[in-house]
């Protein structure tokens, strides 16, 4: 799969995930807590284990803050060039639905444990 195709697939998955998040977000007047690297990481791991969009929606509804943290990290991804050598050639046919999105975000978060430990805080 070419780099352009991977980028397009990633962008499509990120857009679809963002739309799914908006459809399932529970609006309330409470202050929104700051995003958490740990919550984003935990959500990304769960995302890779969800076999369907319905399972993702159920998990998202139960873990809204985690999903929001995950989406914030996903929105900061600018390049997939470092991932190209690690991805399966037939990526479009792999389940779960957001495999590329989840894999990229988890890799970024894992790397941030050493490159940006301040994101993880003392209890994360």
PDB file of N, CA and C in Angstrom:
ATOM      1  N   UNK A   1       0.848  -1.170   0.000  1.00  0.00           N
ATOM      2  CA  UNK A   1       0.000   0.000   0.000  1.00  0.00           C
ATOM      3  C   UNK A   1       0.898   1.240   0.000  1.00  0.00           C
ATOM      4  N   UNK A   2       0.629   2.172  -0.889  1.00  0.00           N
ATOM      5  CA  UNK A   2       1.433   3.377  -1.008  1.00  0.00           C
ATOM      6  C   UNK A   2       1.189   4.318   0.158  1.00  0.00           C
ATOM      7  N   UNK A   3       2.175   5.150   0.424  1.00  0.00           N
ATOM      8  CA  UNK A   3       2.078   6.114   1.512  1.00  0.00           C
ATOM      9  C   UNK A   3       0.851   7.015   1.358  1.00  0.00           C
ATOM     10  N   UNK A   4       0.564   7.430   0.132  1.00  0.00           N
ATOM     11  CA  UNK A   4      -0.608   8.276  -0.112  1.00  0.00           C
ATOM     12  C   UNK A   4      -1.889   7.541   0.262  1.00  0.00           C
ATOM     13  N   UNK A   5      -1.953   6.240  -0.064  1.00  0.00           N
ATOM     14  CA  UNK A   5      -3.130   5.441   0.265  1.00  0.00           C
ATOM     15  C   UNK A   5      -3.278   5.286   1.776  1.00  0.00           C
ATOM     16  N   UNK A   6      -2.164   5.073   2.465  1.00  0.00           N
ATOM     17  CA  UNK A   6      -2.207   4.959   3.921  1.00  0.00           C
ATOM     18  C   UNK A   6      -2.674   6.260   4.553  1.00  0.00           C
ATOM     19  N   UNK A   7      -2.157   7.363   4.050  1.00  0.00           N
ATOM     20  CA  UNK A   7      -2.557   8.663   4.577  1.00  0.00           C
ATOM     21  C   UNK A   7      -4.044   8.889   4.356  1.00  0.00           C
ATOM     22  N   UNK A   8      -4.525   8.576   3.187  1.00  0.00           N
ATOM     23  CA  UNK A   8      -5.951   8.734   2.879  1.00  0.00           C
ATOM     24  C   UNK A   8      -6.791   7.825   3.779  1.00  0.00           C
ATOM     25  N   UNK A   9      -6.374   6.580   3.949  1.00  0.00           N
ATOM     26  CA  UNK A   9      -7.094   5.651   4.817  1.00  0.00           C
ATOM     27  C   UNK A   9      -7.108   6.157   6.259  1.00  0.00           C
ATOM     28  N   UNK A  10      -5.969   6.646   6.734  1.00  0.00           N
ATOM     29  CA  UNK A  10      -5.898   7.197   8.086  1.00  0.00           C
ATOM     30  C   UNK A  10      -6.841   8.385   8.232  1.00  0.00           C
ATOM     31  N   UNK A  11      -6.785   9.304   7.273  1.00  0.00           N
ATOM     32  CA  UNK A  11      -7.640  10.490   7.330  1.00  0.00           C
ATOM     33  C   UNK A  11      -9.120  10.106   7.329  1.00  0.00           C
ATOM     34  N   UNK A  12      -9.476   9.120   6.508  1.00  0.00           N
ATOM     35  CA  UNK A  12     -10.867   8.663   6.461  1.00  0.00           C
ATOM     36  C   UNK A  12     -11.292   8.045   7.784  1.00  0.00           C
ATOM     37  N   UNK A  13     -10.414   7.226   8.382  1.00  0.00           N
ATOM     38  CA  UNK A  13     -10.738   6.621   9.663  1.00  0.00           C
ATOM     39  C   UNK A  13     -10.849   7.681  10.753  1.00  0.00           C
ATOM     40  N   UNK A  14      -9.967   8.654  10.740  1.00  0.00           N
ATOM     41  CA  UNK A  14     -10.012   9.714  11.744  1.00  0.00           C
ATOM     42  C   UNK A  14     -11.309  10.513  11.608  1.00  0.00           C
ATOM     43  N   UNK A  15     -11.696  10.832  10.376  1.00  0.00           N
ATOM     44  CA  UNK A  15     -12.932  11.584  10.138  1.00  0.00           C
ATOM     45  C   UNK A  15     -14.146  10.768  10.587  1.00  0.00           C
ATOM     46  N   UNK A  16     -14.176   9.499  10.249  1.00  0.00           N
ATOM     47  CA  UNK A  16     -15.294   8.643  10.643  1.00  0.00           C
ATOM     48  C   UNK A  16     -15.370   8.505  12.167  1.00  0.00           C
ATOM     49  N   UNK A  17     -14.213   8.364  12.812  1.00  0.00           N
ATOM     50  CA  UNK A  17     -14.190   8.271  14.272  1.00  0.00           C
ATOM     51  C   UNK A  17     -14.684   9.567  14.903  1.00  0.00           C
ATOM     52  N   UNK A  18     -14.271  10.709  14.369  1.00  0.00           N
ATOM     53  CA  UNK A  18     -14.707  12.003  14.897  1.00  0.00           C
ATOM     54  C   UNK A  18     -16.220  12.157  14.760  1.00  0.00           C
ATOM     55  N   UNK A  19     -16.780  11.729  13.639  1.00  0.00           N
ATOM     56  CA  UNK A  19     -18.228  11.801  13.447  1.00  0.00           C
ATOM     57  C   UNK A  19     -18.942  10.874  14.429  1.00  0.00           C
ATOM     58  N   UNK A  20     -18.415   9.690  14.612  1.00  0.00           N
ATOM     59  CA  UNK A  20     -18.974   8.737  15.567  1.00  0.00           C
ATOM     60  C   UNK A  20     -18.932   9.314  16.980  1.00  0.00           C
ATOM     61  N   UNK A  21     -17.835   9.952  17.308  1.00  0.00           N
ATOM     62  CA  UNK A  21     -17.692  10.575  18.627  1.00  0.00           C
ATOM     63  C   UNK A  21     -18.743  11.663  18.813  1.00  0.00           C
ATOM     64  N   UNK A  22     -18.920  12.514  17.825  1.00  0.00           N
ATOM     65  CA  UNK A  22     -19.915  13.589  17.919  1.00  0.00           C
ATOM     66  C   UNK A  22     -21.334  13.039  18.072  1.00  0.00           C
ATOM     67  N   UNK A  23     -21.636  11.960  17.386  1.00  0.00           N
ATOM     68  CA  UNK A  23     -22.963  11.358  17.473  1.00  0.00           C
ATOM     69  C   UNK A  23     -23.230  10.781  18.861  1.00  0.00           C
ATOM     70  N   UNK A  24     -22.192  10.378  19.562  1.00  0.00           N
ATOM     71  CA  UNK A  24     -22.360   9.688  20.827  1.00  0.00           C
ATOM     72  C   UNK A  24     -22.013  10.515  22.047  1.00  0.00           C
ATOM     73  N   UNK A  25     -21.512  11.715  21.822  1.00  0.00           N
ATOM     74  CA  UNK A  25     -21.109  12.541  22.953  1.00  0.00           C
ATOM     75  C   UNK A  25     -22.330  12.967  23.762  1.00  0.00           C
ATOM     76  N   UNK A  26     -22.166  12.944  25.050  1.00  0.00           N
ATOM     77  CA  UNK A  26     -23.229  13.364  25.947  1.00  0.00           C
ATOM     78  C   UNK A  26     -22.938  14.806  26.343  1.00  0.00           C
ATOM     79  N   UNK A  27     -23.809  15.693  25.957  1.00  0.00           N
ATOM     80  CA  UNK A  27     -23.601  17.111  26.253  1.00  0.00           C
ATOM     81  C   UNK A  27     -24.111  17.420  27.651  1.00  0.00           C
ATOM     82  N   UNK A  28     -23.279  18.059  28.440  1.00  0.00           N
ATOM     83  CA  UNK A  28     -23.716  18.556  29.735  1.00  0.00           C
ATOM     84  C   UNK A  28     -22.959  19.831  30.049  1.00  0.00           C
ATOM     85  N   UNK A  29     -23.372  20.482  31.113  1.00  0.00           N
ATOM     86  CA  UNK A  29     -22.795  21.791  31.411  1.00  0.00           C
ATOM     87  C   UNK A  29     -21.556  21.726  32.295  1.00  0.00           C
ATOM     88  N   UNK A  30     -21.138  20.536  32.679  1.00  0.00           N
ATOM     89  CA  UNK A  30     -19.947  20.428  33.522  1.00  0.00           C
ATOM     90  C   UNK A  30     -18.695  20.803  32.731  1.00  0.00           C
ATOM     91  N   UNK A  31     -17.704  21.245  33.458  1.00  0.00           N
ATOM     92  CA  UNK A  31     -16.428  21.586  32.817  1.00  0.00           C
ATOM     93  C   UNK A  31     -15.796  20.315  32.238  1.00  0.00           C
ATOM     94  N   UNK A  32     -15.230  20.452  31.076  1.00  0.00           N
ATOM     95  CA  UNK A  32     -14.573  19.318  30.424  1.00  0.00           C
ATOM     96  C   UNK A  32     -13.156  19.213  30.980  1.00  0.00           C
ATOM     97  N   UNK A  33     -12.789  18.042  31.505  1.00  0.00           N
ATOM     98  CA  UNK A  33     -11.437  17.894  32.046  1.00  0.00           C
ATOM     99  C   UNK A  33     -10.393  17.910  30.925  1.00  0.00           C
ATOM    100  N   UNK A  34      -9.150  18.213  31.258  1.00  0.00           N
ATOM    101  CA  UNK A  34      -8.109  18.199  30.226  1.00  0.00           C
ATOM    102  C   UNK A  34      -7.908  16.786  29.696  1.00  0.00           C
ATOM    103  N   UNK A  35      -7.439  16.664  28.458  1.00  0.00           N
ATOM    104  CA  UNK A  35      -7.205  15.330  27.898  1.00  0.00           C
ATOM    105  C   UNK A  35      -6.117  14.596  28.682  1.00  0.00           C
ATOM    106  N   UNK A  36      -6.184  13.291  28.632  1.00  0.00           N
ATOM    107  CA  UNK A  36      -5.246  12.451  29.359  1.00  0.00           C
ATOM    108  C   UNK A  36      -4.585  11.455  28.411  1.00  0.00           C
ATOM    109  N   UNK A  37      -3.259  11.413  28.431  1.00  0.00           N
ATOM    110  CA  UNK A  37      -2.524  10.450  27.594  1.00  0.00           C
ATOM    111  C   UNK A  37      -2.888   9.025  27.994  1.00  0.00           C
ATOM    112  N   UNK A  38      -3.000   8.768  29.272  1.00  0.00           N
ATOM    113  CA  UNK A  38      -3.338   7.414  29.764  1.00  0.00           C
ATOM    114  C   UNK A  38      -4.729   7.009  29.286  1.00  0.00           C
ATOM    115  N   UNK A  39      -5.695   7.915  29.387  1.00  0.00           N
ATOM    116  CA  UNK A  39      -7.050   7.601  28.932  1.00  0.00           C
ATOM    117  C   UNK A  39      -7.082   7.371  27.421  1.00  0.00           C
ATOM    118  N   UNK A  40      -6.342   8.184  26.673  1.00  0.00           N
ATOM    119  CA  UNK A  40      -6.260   8.004  25.222  1.00  0.00           C
ATOM    120  C   UNK A  40      -5.648   6.651  24.890  1.00  0.00           C
ATOM    121  N   UNK A  41      -4.599   6.285  25.617  1.00  0.00           N
ATOM    122  CA  UNK A  41      -3.912   5.006  25.391  1.00  0.00           C
ATOM    123  C   UNK A  41      -4.843   3.832  25.705  1.00  0.00           C
ATOM    124  N   UNK A  42      -5.515   3.920  26.834  1.00  0.00           N
ATOM    125  CA  UNK A  42      -6.444   2.847  27.214  1.00  0.00           C
ATOM    126  C   UNK A  42      -7.574   2.716  26.195  1.00  0.00           C
ATOM    127  N   UNK A  43      -8.084   3.847  25.727  1.00  0.00           N
ATOM    128  CA  UNK A  43      -9.155   3.799  24.737  1.00  0.00           C
ATOM    129  C   UNK A  43      -8.650   3.204  23.424  1.00  0.00           C
ATOM    130  N   UNK A  44      -7.445   3.576  23.010  1.00  0.00           N
ATOM    131  CA  UNK A  44      -6.878   3.031  21.774  1.00  0.00           C
ATOM    132  C   UNK A  44      -6.731   1.516  21.827  1.00  0.00           C
ATOM    133  N   UNK A  45      -6.289   1.001  22.973  1.00  0.00           N
ATOM    134  CA  UNK A  45      -6.179  -0.457  23.123  1.00  0.00           C
ATOM    135  C   UNK A  45      -7.537  -1.122  23.021  1.00  0.00           C
ATOM    136  N   UNK A  46      -8.534  -0.525  23.650  1.00  0.00           N
ATOM    137  CA  UNK A  46      -9.889  -1.078  23.587  1.00  0.00           C
ATOM    138  C   UNK A  46     -10.451  -0.968  22.172  1.00  0.00           C
ATOM    139  N   UNK A  47     -10.137   0.123  21.491  1.00  0.00           N
ATOM    140  CA  UNK A  47     -10.616   0.330  20.125  1.00  0.00           C
ATOM    141  C   UNK A  47     -10.154  -0.806  19.213  1.00  0.00           C
ATOM    142  N   UNK A  48      -8.931  -1.252  19.394  1.00  0.00           N
ATOM    143  CA  UNK A  48      -8.406  -2.339  18.558  1.00  0.00           C
ATOM    144  C   UNK A  48      -9.070  -3.678  18.863  1.00  0.00           C
ATOM    145  N   UNK A  49      -9.696  -3.788  20.021  1.00  0.00           N
ATOM    146  CA  UNK A  49     -10.384  -5.036  20.378  1.00  0.00           C
ATOM    147  C   UNK A  49     -11.874  -5.019  20.037  1.00  0.00           C
ATOM    148  N   UNK A  50     -12.396  -3.872  19.622  1.00  0.00           N
ATOM    149  CA  UNK A  50     -13.819  -3.777  19.262  1.00  0.00           C
ATOM    150  C   UNK A  50     -14.013  -4.294  17.839  1.00  0.00           C
ATOM    151  N   UNK A  51     -14.829  -5.333  17.671  1.00  0.00           N
ATOM    152  CA  UNK A  51     -14.966  -5.955  16.344  1.00  0.00           C
ATOM    153  C   UNK A  51     -15.909  -5.235  15.387  1.00  0.00           C
ATOM    154  N   UNK A  52     -16.687  -4.261  15.893  1.00  0.00           N
ATOM    155  CA  UNK A  52     -17.685  -3.614  15.034  1.00  0.00           C
ATOM    156  C   UNK A  52     -17.889  -2.161  15.456  1.00  0.00           C
ATOM    157  N   UNK A  53     -18.552  -1.403  14.583  1.00  0.00           N
ATOM    158  CA  UNK A  53     -18.871  -0.019  14.914  1.00  0.00           C
ATOM    159  C   UNK A  53     -19.806   0.045  16.124  1.00  0.00           C
ATOM    160  N   UNK A  54     -20.711  -0.909  16.220  1.00  0.00           N
ATOM    161  CA  UNK A  54     -21.630  -0.930  17.356  1.00  0.00           C
ATOM    162  C   UNK A  54     -20.870  -1.118  18.664  1.00  0.00           C
ATOM    163  N   UNK A  55     -19.895  -2.007  18.664  1.00  0.00           N
ATOM    164  CA  UNK A  55     -19.086  -2.235  19.870  1.00  0.00           C
ATOM    165  C   UNK A  55     -18.285  -0.982  20.221  1.00  0.00           C
ATOM    166  N   UNK A  56     -17.794  -0.302  19.204  1.00  0.00           N
ATOM    167  CA  UNK A  56     -17.042   0.942  19.426  1.00  0.00           C
ATOM    168  C   UNK A  56     -17.964   2.003  20.028  1.00  0.00           C
ATOM    169  N   UNK A  57     -19.166   2.125  19.486  1.00  0.00           N
ATOM    170  CA  UNK A  57     -20.117   3.104  20.020  1.00  0.00           C
ATOM    171  C   UNK A  57     -20.456   2.807  21.475  1.00  0.00           C
ATOM    172  N   UNK A  58     -20.692   1.553  21.805  1.00  0.00           N
ATOM    173  CA  UNK A  58     -20.984   1.179  23.193  1.00  0.00           C
ATOM    174  C   UNK A  58     -19.828   1.561  24.108  1.00  0.00           C
ATOM    175  N   UNK A  59     -18.619   1.232  23.676  1.00  0.00           N
ATOM    176  CA  UNK A  59     -17.445   1.549  24.492  1.00  0.00           C
ATOM    177  C   UNK A  59     -17.268   3.066  24.612  1.00  0.00           C
ATOM    178  N   UNK A  60     -17.506   3.759  23.521  1.00  0.00           N
ATOM    179  CA  UNK A  60     -17.359   5.215  23.509  1.00  0.00           C
ATOM    180  C   UNK A  60     -18.338   5.866  24.483  1.00  0.00           C
ATOM    181  N   UNK A  61     -19.571   5.395  24.490  1.00  0.00           N
ATOM    182  CA  UNK A  61     -20.578   5.950  25.397  1.00  0.00           C
ATOM    183  C   UNK A  61     -20.186   5.759  26.860  1.00  0.00           C
ATOM    184  N   UNK A  62     -19.525   4.661  27.146  1.00  0.00           N
ATOM    185  CA  UNK A  62     -19.120   4.364  28.520  1.00  0.00           C
ATOM    186  C   UNK A  62     -17.840   5.097  28.917  1.00  0.00           C
ATOM    187  N   UNK A  63     -17.054   5.531  27.932  1.00  0.00           N
ATOM    188  CA  UNK A  63     -15.754   6.146  28.208  1.00  0.00           C
ATOM    189  C   UNK A  63     -15.565   7.409  27.365  1.00  0.00           C
ATOM    190  N   UNK A  64     -16.470   8.356  27.520  1.00  0.00           N
ATOM    191  CA  UNK A  64     -16.449   9.570  26.707  1.00  0.00           C
ATOM    192  C   UNK A  64     -15.157  10.373  26.849  1.00  0.00           C
ATOM    193  N   UNK A  65     -14.680  10.561  28.064  1.00  0.00           N
ATOM    194  CA  UNK A  65     -13.448  11.332  28.258  1.00  0.00           C
ATOM    195  C   UNK A  65     -12.268  10.642  27.586  1.00  0.00           C
ATOM    196  N   UNK A  66     -12.232   9.317  27.670  1.00  0.00           N
ATOM    197  CA  UNK A  66     -11.151   8.558  27.048  1.00  0.00           C
ATOM    198  C   UNK A  66     -11.198   8.704  25.528  1.00  0.00           C
ATOM    199  N   UNK A  67     -12.410   8.617  24.966  1.00  0.00           N
ATOM    200  CA  UNK A  67     -12.573   8.754  23.517  1.00  0.00           C
ATOM    201  C   UNK A  67     -12.161  10.154  23.064  1.00  0.00           C
ATOM    202  N   UNK A  68     -12.521  11.167  23.844  1.00  0.00           N
ATOM    203  CA  UNK A  68     -12.146  12.541  23.498  1.00  0.00           C
ATOM    204  C   UNK A  68     -10.631  12.702  23.539  1.00  0.00           C
ATOM    205  N   UNK A  69      -9.987  12.152  24.552  1.00  0.00           N
ATOM    206  CA  UNK A  69      -8.520  12.222  24.644  1.00  0.00           C
ATOM    207  C   UNK A  69      -7.877  11.533  23.446  1.00  0.00           C
ATOM    208  N   UNK A  70      -8.413  10.371  23.066  1.00  0.00           N
ATOM    209  CA  UNK A  70      -7.906   9.632  21.913  1.00  0.00           C
ATOM    210  C   UNK A  70      -8.047  10.472  20.645  1.00  0.00           C
ATOM    211  N   UNK A  71      -9.202  11.090  20.463  1.00  0.00           N
ATOM    212  CA  UNK A  71      -9.452  11.898  19.269  1.00  0.00           C
ATOM    213  C   UNK A  71      -8.515  13.101  19.208  1.00  0.00           C
ATOM    214  N   UNK A  72      -8.226  13.701  20.344  1.00  0.00           N
ATOM    215  CA  UNK A  72      -7.310  14.844  20.377  1.00  0.00           C
ATOM    216  C   UNK A  72      -5.924  14.424  19.878  1.00  0.00           C
ATOM    217  N   UNK A  73      -5.455  13.263  20.309  1.00  0.00           N
ATOM    218  CA  UNK A  73      -4.159  12.768  19.836  1.00  0.00           C
ATOM    219  C   UNK A  73      -4.237  12.459  18.342  1.00  0.00           C
ATOM    220  N   UNK A  74      -5.300  11.795  17.912  1.00  0.00           N
ATOM    221  CA  UNK A  74      -5.458  11.444  16.492  1.00  0.00           C
ATOM    222  C   UNK A  74      -5.444  12.694  15.612  1.00  0.00           C
ATOM    223  N   UNK A  75      -6.038  13.766  16.095  1.00  0.00           N
ATOM    224  CA  UNK A  75      -6.083  15.001  15.314  1.00  0.00           C
ATOM    225  C   UNK A  75      -4.719  15.678  15.198  1.00  0.00           C
ATOM    226  N   UNK A  76      -3.760  15.271  16.000  1.00  0.00           N
ATOM    227  CA  UNK A  76      -2.423  15.870  15.948  1.00  0.00           C
ATOM    228  C   UNK A  76      -1.462  15.097  15.040  1.00  0.00           C
ATOM    229  N   UNK A  77      -1.893  13.960  14.521  1.00  0.00           N
ATOM    230  CA  UNK A  77      -1.035  13.163  13.643  1.00  0.00           C
ATOM    231  C   UNK A  77      -0.878  13.890  12.314  1.00  0.00           C
ATOM    232  N   UNK A  78       0.363  14.110  11.915  1.00  0.00           N
ATOM    233  CA  UNK A  78       0.604  14.822  10.662  1.00  0.00           C
ATOM    234  C   UNK A  78       1.277  13.955   9.600  1.00  0.00           C
ATOM    235  N   UNK A  79       1.899  12.860  10.010  1.00  0.00           N
ATOM    236  CA  UNK A  79       2.633  12.046   9.043  1.00  0.00           C
ATOM    237  C   UNK A  79       2.580  10.575   9.427  1.00  0.00           C
ATOM    238  N   UNK A  80       2.464   9.742   8.416  1.00  0.00           N
ATOM    239  CA  UNK A  80       2.467   8.302   8.646  1.00  0.00           C
ATOM    240  C   UNK A  80       3.746   7.651   8.137  1.00  0.00           C
ATOM    241  N   UNK A  81       4.720   8.435   7.729  1.00  0.00           N
ATOM    242  CA  UNK A  81       5.905   7.874   7.084  1.00  0.00           C
ATOM    243  C   UNK A  81       6.651   6.893   7.980  1.00  0.00           C
ATOM    244  N   UNK A  82       6.677   7.120   9.279  1.00  0.00           N
ATOM    245  CA  UNK A  82       7.391   6.206  10.159  1.00  0.00           C
ATOM    246  C   UNK A  82       6.666   4.885  10.342  1.00  0.00           C
ATOM    247  N   UNK A  83       5.379   4.839  10.068  1.00  0.00           N
ATOM    248  CA  UNK A  83       4.582   3.635  10.254  1.00  0.00           C
ATOM    249  C   UNK A  83       4.625   2.708   9.041  1.00  0.00           C
ATOM    250  N   UNK A  84       4.955   3.226   7.870  1.00  0.00           N
ATOM    251  CA  UNK A  84       4.802   2.467   6.630  1.00  0.00           C
ATOM    252  C   UNK A  84       5.432   1.086   6.671  1.00  0.00           C
ATOM    253  N   UNK A  85       6.607   0.948   7.216  1.00  0.00           N
ATOM    254  CA  UNK A  85       7.284  -0.340   7.182  1.00  0.00           C
ATOM    255  C   UNK A  85       6.668  -1.348   8.145  1.00  0.00           C
ATOM    256  N   UNK A  86       5.863  -0.896   9.113  1.00  0.00           N
ATOM    257  CA  UNK A  86       5.306  -1.789  10.112  1.00  0.00           C
ATOM    258  C   UNK A  86       3.882  -2.248   9.779  1.00  0.00           C
ATOM    259  N   UNK A  87       3.282  -1.713   8.737  1.00  0.00           N
ATOM    260  CA  UNK A  87       1.884  -1.990   8.458  1.00  0.00           C
ATOM    261  C   UNK A  87       1.716  -3.130   7.461  1.00  0.00           C
ATOM    262  N   UNK A  88       0.672  -3.939   7.644  1.00  0.00           N
ATOM    263  CA  UNK A  88       0.400  -5.020   6.691  1.00  0.00           C
ATOM    264  C   UNK A  88       0.078  -4.453   5.310  1.00  0.00           C
ATOM    265  N   UNK A  89       0.424  -5.182   4.281  1.00  0.00           N
ATOM    266  CA  UNK A  89       0.221  -4.711   2.911  1.00  0.00           C
ATOM    267  C   UNK A  89      -1.263  -4.559   2.570  1.00  0.00           C
ATOM    268  N   UNK A  90      -2.125  -5.430   3.088  1.00  0.00           N
ATOM    269  CA  UNK A  90      -3.541  -5.406   2.745  1.00  0.00           C
ATOM    270  C   UNK A  90      -4.360  -4.801   3.881  1.00  0.00           C
ATOM    271  N   UNK A  91      -3.982  -3.630   4.291  1.00  0.00           N
ATOM    272  CA  UNK A  91      -4.544  -2.984   5.472  1.00  0.00           C
ATOM    273  C   UNK A  91      -6.037  -2.710   5.370  1.00  0.00           C
ATOM    274  N   UNK A  92      -6.534  -2.386   4.186  1.00  0.00           N
ATOM    275  CA  UNK A  92      -7.937  -2.010   4.033  1.00  0.00           C
ATOM    276  C   UNK A  92      -8.889  -3.139   4.415  1.00  0.00           C
ATOM    277  N   UNK A  93      -8.448  -4.392   4.379  1.00  0.00           N
ATOM    278  CA  UNK A  93      -9.328  -5.525   4.667  1.00  0.00           C
ATOM    279  C   UNK A  93      -9.243  -5.993   6.118  1.00  0.00           C
ATOM    280  N   UNK A  94      -8.395  -5.363   6.907  1.00  0.00           N
ATOM    281  CA  UNK A  94      -8.200  -5.801   8.288  1.00  0.00           C
ATOM    282  C   UNK A  94      -9.302  -5.250   9.180  1.00  0.00           C
ATOM    283  N   UNK A  95      -9.780  -6.097  10.054  1.00  0.00           N
ATOM    284  CA  UNK A  95     -10.684  -5.641  11.105  1.00  0.00           C
ATOM    285  C   UNK A  95      -9.864  -5.559  12.360  1.00  0.00           C
ATOM    286  N   UNK A  96     -10.155  -4.740  13.275  1.00  0.00           N
ATOM    287  CA  UNK A  96     -11.338  -3.939  13.520  1.00  0.00           C
ATOM    288  C   UNK A  96     -11.429  -2.701  12.633  1.00  0.00           C
ATOM    289  N   UNK A  97     -12.573  -2.017  12.696  1.00  0.00           N
ATOM    290  CA  UNK A  97     -12.820  -0.902  11.772  1.00  0.00           C
ATOM    291  C   UNK A  97     -11.780   0.214  11.792  1.00  0.00           C
ATOM    292  N   UNK A  98     -11.174   0.480  12.928  1.00  0.00           N
ATOM    293  CA  UNK A  98     -10.235   1.601  13.028  1.00  0.00           C
ATOM    294  C   UNK A  98      -8.818   1.109  13.335  1.00  0.00           C
ATOM    295  N   UNK A  99      -8.394   0.042  12.661  1.00  0.00           N
ATOM    296  CA  UNK A  99      -7.082  -0.559  12.934  1.00  0.00           C
ATOM    297  C   UNK A  99      -5.942   0.432  12.722  1.00  0.00           C
ATOM    298  N   UNK A 100      -5.924   1.089  11.580  1.00  0.00           N
ATOM    299  CA  UNK A 100      -4.828   2.026  11.287  1.00  0.00           C
ATOM    300  C   UNK A 100      -4.839   3.187  12.271  1.00  0.00           C
ATOM    301  N   UNK A 101      -5.983   3.796  12.470  1.00  0.00           N
ATOM    302  CA  UNK A 101      -6.105   4.918  13.396  1.00  0.00           C
ATOM    303  C   UNK A 101      -5.632   4.523  14.789  1.00  0.00           C
ATOM    304  N   UNK A 102      -6.138   3.422  15.291  1.00  0.00           N
ATOM    305  CA  UNK A 102      -5.751   2.964  16.627  1.00  0.00           C
ATOM    306  C   UNK A 102      -4.274   2.639  16.731  1.00  0.00           C
ATOM    307  N   UNK A 103      -3.743   1.964  15.736  1.00  0.00           N
ATOM    308  CA  UNK A 103      -2.328   1.580  15.750  1.00  0.00           C
ATOM    309  C   UNK A 103      -1.405   2.791  15.755  1.00  0.00           C
ATOM    310  N   UNK A 104      -1.709   3.762  14.919  1.00  0.00           N
ATOM    311  CA  UNK A 104      -0.870   4.959  14.821  1.00  0.00           C
ATOM    312  C   UNK A 104      -0.911   5.743  16.129  1.00  0.00           C
ATOM    313  N   UNK A 105      -2.117   5.960  16.660  1.00  0.00           N
ATOM    314  CA  UNK A 105      -2.243   6.734  17.893  1.00  0.00           C
ATOM    315  C   UNK A 105      -1.563   6.008  19.059  1.00  0.00           C
ATOM    316  N   UNK A 106      -1.734   4.689  19.151  1.00  0.00           N
ATOM    317  CA  UNK A 106      -1.070   3.946  20.225  1.00  0.00           C
ATOM    318  C   UNK A 106       0.449   4.037  20.111  1.00  0.00           C
ATOM    319  N   UNK A 107       0.977   3.957  18.899  1.00  0.00           N
ATOM    320  CA  UNK A 107       2.427   4.095  18.712  1.00  0.00           C
ATOM    321  C   UNK A 107       2.919   5.473  19.155  1.00  0.00           C
ATOM    322  N   UNK A 108       2.182   6.503  18.807  1.00  0.00           N
ATOM    323  CA  UNK A 108       2.558   7.863  19.196  1.00  0.00           C
ATOM    324  C   UNK A 108       2.524   8.011  20.712  1.00  0.00           C
ATOM    325  N   UNK A 109       1.473   7.483  21.328  1.00  0.00           N
ATOM    326  CA  UNK A 109       1.362   7.570  22.784  1.00  0.00           C
ATOM    327  C   UNK A 109       2.453   6.764  23.477  1.00  0.00           C
ATOM    328  N   UNK A 110       2.754   5.598  22.952  1.00  0.00           N
ATOM    329  CA  UNK A 110       3.815   4.777  23.539  1.00  0.00           C
ATOM    330  C   UNK A 110       5.154   5.515  23.474  1.00  0.00           C
ATOM    331  N   UNK A 111       5.432   6.129  22.333  1.00  0.00           N
ATOM    332  CA  UNK A 111       6.668   6.898  22.184  1.00  0.00           C
ATOM    333  C   UNK A 111       6.699   8.104  23.126  1.00  0.00           C
ATOM    334  N   UNK A 112       5.534   8.698  23.354  1.00  0.00           N
ATOM    335  CA  UNK A 112       5.475   9.885  24.210  1.00  0.00           C
ATOM    336  C   UNK A 112       5.810   9.586  25.669  1.00  0.00           C
ATOM    337  N   UNK A 113       5.738   8.315  26.053  1.00  0.00           N
ATOM    338  CA  UNK A 113       6.095   7.960  27.436  1.00  0.00           C
ATOM    339  C   UNK A 113       7.548   8.322  27.726  1.00  0.00           C
ATOM    340  N   UNK A 114       8.400   8.249  26.695  1.00  0.00           N
ATOM    341  CA  UNK A 114       9.806   8.603  26.892  1.00  0.00           C
ATOM    342  C   UNK A 114      10.134   9.991  26.360  1.00  0.00           C
ATOM    343  N   UNK A 115       9.477  10.396  25.273  1.00  0.00           N
ATOM    344  CA  UNK A 115       9.806  11.701  24.693  1.00  0.00           C
ATOM    345  C   UNK A 115       9.077  12.864  25.362  1.00  0.00           C
ATOM    346  N   UNK A 116       7.906  12.599  25.936  1.00  0.00           N
ATOM    347  CA  UNK A 116       7.117  13.638  26.601  1.00  0.00           C
ATOM    348  C   UNK A 116       6.464  13.082  27.873  1.00  0.00           C
ATOM    349  N   UNK A 117       7.259  12.659  28.825  1.00  0.00           N
ATOM    350  CA  UNK A 117       6.683  12.039  30.024  1.00  0.00           C
ATOM    351  C   UNK A 117       5.761  12.970  30.806  1.00  0.00           C
ATOM    352  N   UNK A 118       5.899  14.278  30.621  1.00  0.00           N
ATOM    353  CA  UNK A 118       5.024  15.227  31.303  1.00  0.00           C
ATOM    354  C   UNK A 118       3.559  15.061  30.911  1.00  0.00           C
ATOM    355  N   UNK A 119       3.295  14.484  29.745  1.00  0.00           N
ATOM    356  CA  UNK A 119       1.923  14.254  29.305  1.00  0.00           C
ATOM    357  C   UNK A 119       1.218  13.186  30.134  1.00  0.00           C
ATOM    358  N   UNK A 120       2.000  12.350  30.766  1.00  0.00           N
ATOM    359  CA  UNK A 120       1.453  11.193  31.465  1.00  0.00           C
ATOM    360  C   UNK A 120       1.140  11.493  32.924  1.00  0.00           C
ATOM    361  N   UNK A 121       1.696  12.526  33.460  1.00  0.00           N
ATOM    362  CA  UNK A 121       1.391  12.912  34.848  1.00  0.00           C
ATOM    363  C   UNK A 121       1.844  11.863  35.845  1.00  0.00           C
ATOM    364  N   UNK A 122       1.817  12.195  37.126  1.00  0.00           N
ATOM    365  CA  UNK A 122       2.309  11.295  38.153  1.00  0.00           C
ATOM    366  C   UNK A 122       1.458  10.042  38.353  1.00  0.00           C
ATOM    367  N   UNK A 123       0.152  10.151  38.117  1.00  0.00           N
ATOM    368  CA  UNK A 123      -0.720   8.999  38.349  1.00  0.00           C
ATOM    369  C   UNK A 123      -1.031   8.228  37.080  1.00  0.00           C
ATOM    370  N   UNK A 124      -0.399   8.588  35.980  1.00  0.00           N
ATOM    371  CA  UNK A 124      -0.681   7.913  34.731  1.00  0.00           C
ATOM    372  C   UNK A 124       0.545   7.141  34.316  1.00  0.00           C
TER     373      UNK A 124
END
